[in-house]
Every structure is written in structure tokens, then in C-alpha cells.
Amino acid sequence: MIGKTNSSAAKVLAVLDVLQRNFAHGFSPTELAKETGYSASDITRYVATLVQSNFAERIPETGRIRPSHRFAQFSLQITKSLEAAADRIKESQDHLNRG
């Protein structure tokens, strides 16, 4: 279970944190409630917020909830940024080693 907080934003992010663990199959609202310790009505509100902001989506065939493709794109952007930073560090190290 995720630590409790009083902030609605933090609770929505806690639900997103759970969702990101299963992109392919998603979670049912009941599973999300169990994983987070939030009530079913809270999960309904938090999922609605994530869907409305395009961070989560319902899987049409199952009705389960998963992170949206937009969320996956953020992950790819972070990976690309980290790779670019690693390349710059390598270039700097090579330059320093040539001295």
C-alpha cells in the first residue's frame, strides 16, 4: 500500500504510480483501491482526473485502466534526455583524457 497523504494531487499521482506497473493489462478500480488503500469513490475521482488529463485511459475491451500512451511518451522522452546527457558526459571525459 502507498503511504497516506492529505493532498489530492499526491493521491492522484499515487494512483498513476500503481498504474505504471502494468501498462499492458491495466488495473480494475477494485485492484487500484486495494493497492492504494483509497476508497472506491476516491479511485473513481482520481481515475477520472487522470483520464481527463490524458495520463490514463480505459482499455476498451476490458474496461481496465492503464497509463495512456502520452504517459509512455514521457518515459521515452526522459530516456532520450538521459542518453543525450550520458553522451555529453562521455564527450567531456574523452576531451579531458586527451588533455
Protein backbone atom coordinates (compact mmCIF):
# COMPACT_ATOMS: atom_id res chain seq x y z
CA MET A 1 0.00 0.00 0.00
CA ILE A 2 1.18 3.51 -0.79
CA GLY A 3 1.76 5.93 2.08
CA LYS A 4 -1.21 8.09 3.00
CA THR A 5 -1.23 11.81 2.26
CA ASN A 6 -3.76 14.60 2.56
CA SER A 7 -3.05 16.16 -0.83
CA SER A 8 -5.49 15.24 -3.61
CA ALA A 9 -2.76 15.77 -6.19
CA ALA A 10 -0.46 13.37 -4.36
CA LYS A 11 -3.26 10.80 -4.21
CA VAL A 12 -3.86 11.07 -7.96
CA LEU A 13 -0.13 10.61 -8.53
CA ALA A 14 -0.13 7.59 -6.22
CA VAL A 15 -2.80 6.01 -8.43
CA LEU A 16 -0.69 6.79 -11.51
CA ASP A 17 2.29 5.21 -9.76
CA VAL A 18 0.33 1.98 -9.37
CA LEU A 19 -0.96 2.14 -12.95
CA GLN A 20 2.52 2.40 -14.42
CA ARG A 21 3.33 -1.07 -13.05
CA ASN A 22 1.04 -2.76 -15.58
CA PHE A 23 0.79 -0.87 -18.85
CA ALA A 24 -0.30 -3.88 -20.90
CA HIS A 25 -3.24 -5.12 -18.83
CA GLY A 26 -4.02 -2.21 -16.52
CA PHE A 27 -5.91 -2.46 -13.24
CA SER A 28 -9.55 -2.67 -12.28
CA PRO A 29 -10.87 0.03 -9.95
CA THR A 30 -11.11 -2.61 -7.21
CA GLU A 31 -7.45 -3.54 -7.69
CA LEU A 32 -6.45 0.13 -7.57
CA ALA A 33 -8.38 0.59 -4.33
CA LYS A 34 -6.65 -2.43 -2.83
CA GLU A 35 -3.19 -1.30 -3.97
CA THR A 36 -3.58 2.27 -2.72
CA GLY A 37 -5.86 1.84 0.26
CA TYR A 38 -8.20 4.51 -1.14
CA SER A 39 -11.97 4.08 -1.25
CA ALA A 40 -13.80 3.08 -4.42
CA SER A 41 -15.31 6.56 -4.71
CA ASP A 42 -11.86 8.14 -4.34
CA ILE A 43 -10.48 5.84 -7.04
CA THR A 44 -13.35 6.85 -9.35
CA ARG A 45 -12.47 10.55 -8.88
CA TYR A 46 -8.71 10.07 -9.20
CA VAL A 47 -9.03 7.92 -12.31
CA ALA A 48 -11.41 10.48 -13.85
CA THR A 49 -8.77 13.17 -13.22
CA LEU A 50 -6.07 11.04 -14.87
CA VAL A 51 -8.28 10.19 -17.86
CA GLN A 52 -9.40 13.80 -18.29
CA SER A 53 -5.77 14.98 -18.27
CA ASN A 54 -4.82 12.19 -20.69
CA PHE A 55 -2.45 10.41 -18.29
CA ALA A 56 -4.62 7.28 -18.13
CA GLU A 57 -7.13 5.51 -20.33
CA ARG A 58 -9.64 2.70 -20.14
CA ILE A 59 -8.85 -0.39 -22.18
CA PRO A 60 -11.92 -0.67 -24.45
CA GLU A 61 -12.07 -4.49 -24.42
CA THR A 62 -11.82 -4.91 -20.65
CA GLY A 63 -12.71 -1.58 -19.03
CA ARG A 64 -9.50 -1.80 -17.03
CA ILE A 65 -7.43 1.35 -16.52
CA ARG A 66 -3.85 1.81 -17.66
CA PRO A 67 -1.42 4.66 -18.23
CA SER A 68 -2.08 6.41 -21.52
CA HIS A 69 0.28 6.37 -24.46
CA ARG A 70 1.01 10.00 -23.58
CA PHE A 71 2.45 8.79 -20.29
CA ALA A 72 4.57 6.23 -22.16
CA GLN A 73 5.82 9.01 -24.45
CA PHE A 74 7.00 10.95 -21.38
CA SER A 75 9.02 7.91 -20.35
CA LEU A 76 10.64 7.74 -23.78
CA GLN A 77 11.45 11.45 -23.67
CA ILE A 78 13.15 11.01 -20.29
CA THR A 79 15.17 8.07 -21.63
CA LYS A 80 16.29 10.07 -24.67
CA SER A 81 17.26 13.00 -22.46
CA LEU A 82 19.31 10.75 -20.19
CA GLU A 83 21.03 9.17 -23.18
CA ALA A 84 21.92 12.61 -24.54
CA ALA A 85 23.31 13.62 -21.15
CA ALA A 86 25.37 10.43 -21.00
CA ASP A 87 26.75 11.20 -24.47
CA ARG A 88 27.75 14.71 -23.37
CA ILE A 89 29.46 13.33 -20.27
CA LYS A 90 31.36 10.79 -22.39
CA GLU A 91 32.45 13.54 -24.80
CA SER A 92 33.67 15.65 -21.88
CA GLN A 93 35.56 12.72 -20.38
CA ASP A 94 37.15 11.92 -23.74
CA HIS A 95 38.16 15.59 -24.17
CA LEU A 96 39.67 15.70 -20.67
CA ASN A 97 41.54 12.43 -21.21
CA ARG A 98 43.10 13.76 -24.42
CA GLY A 99 44.14 16.66 -22.37
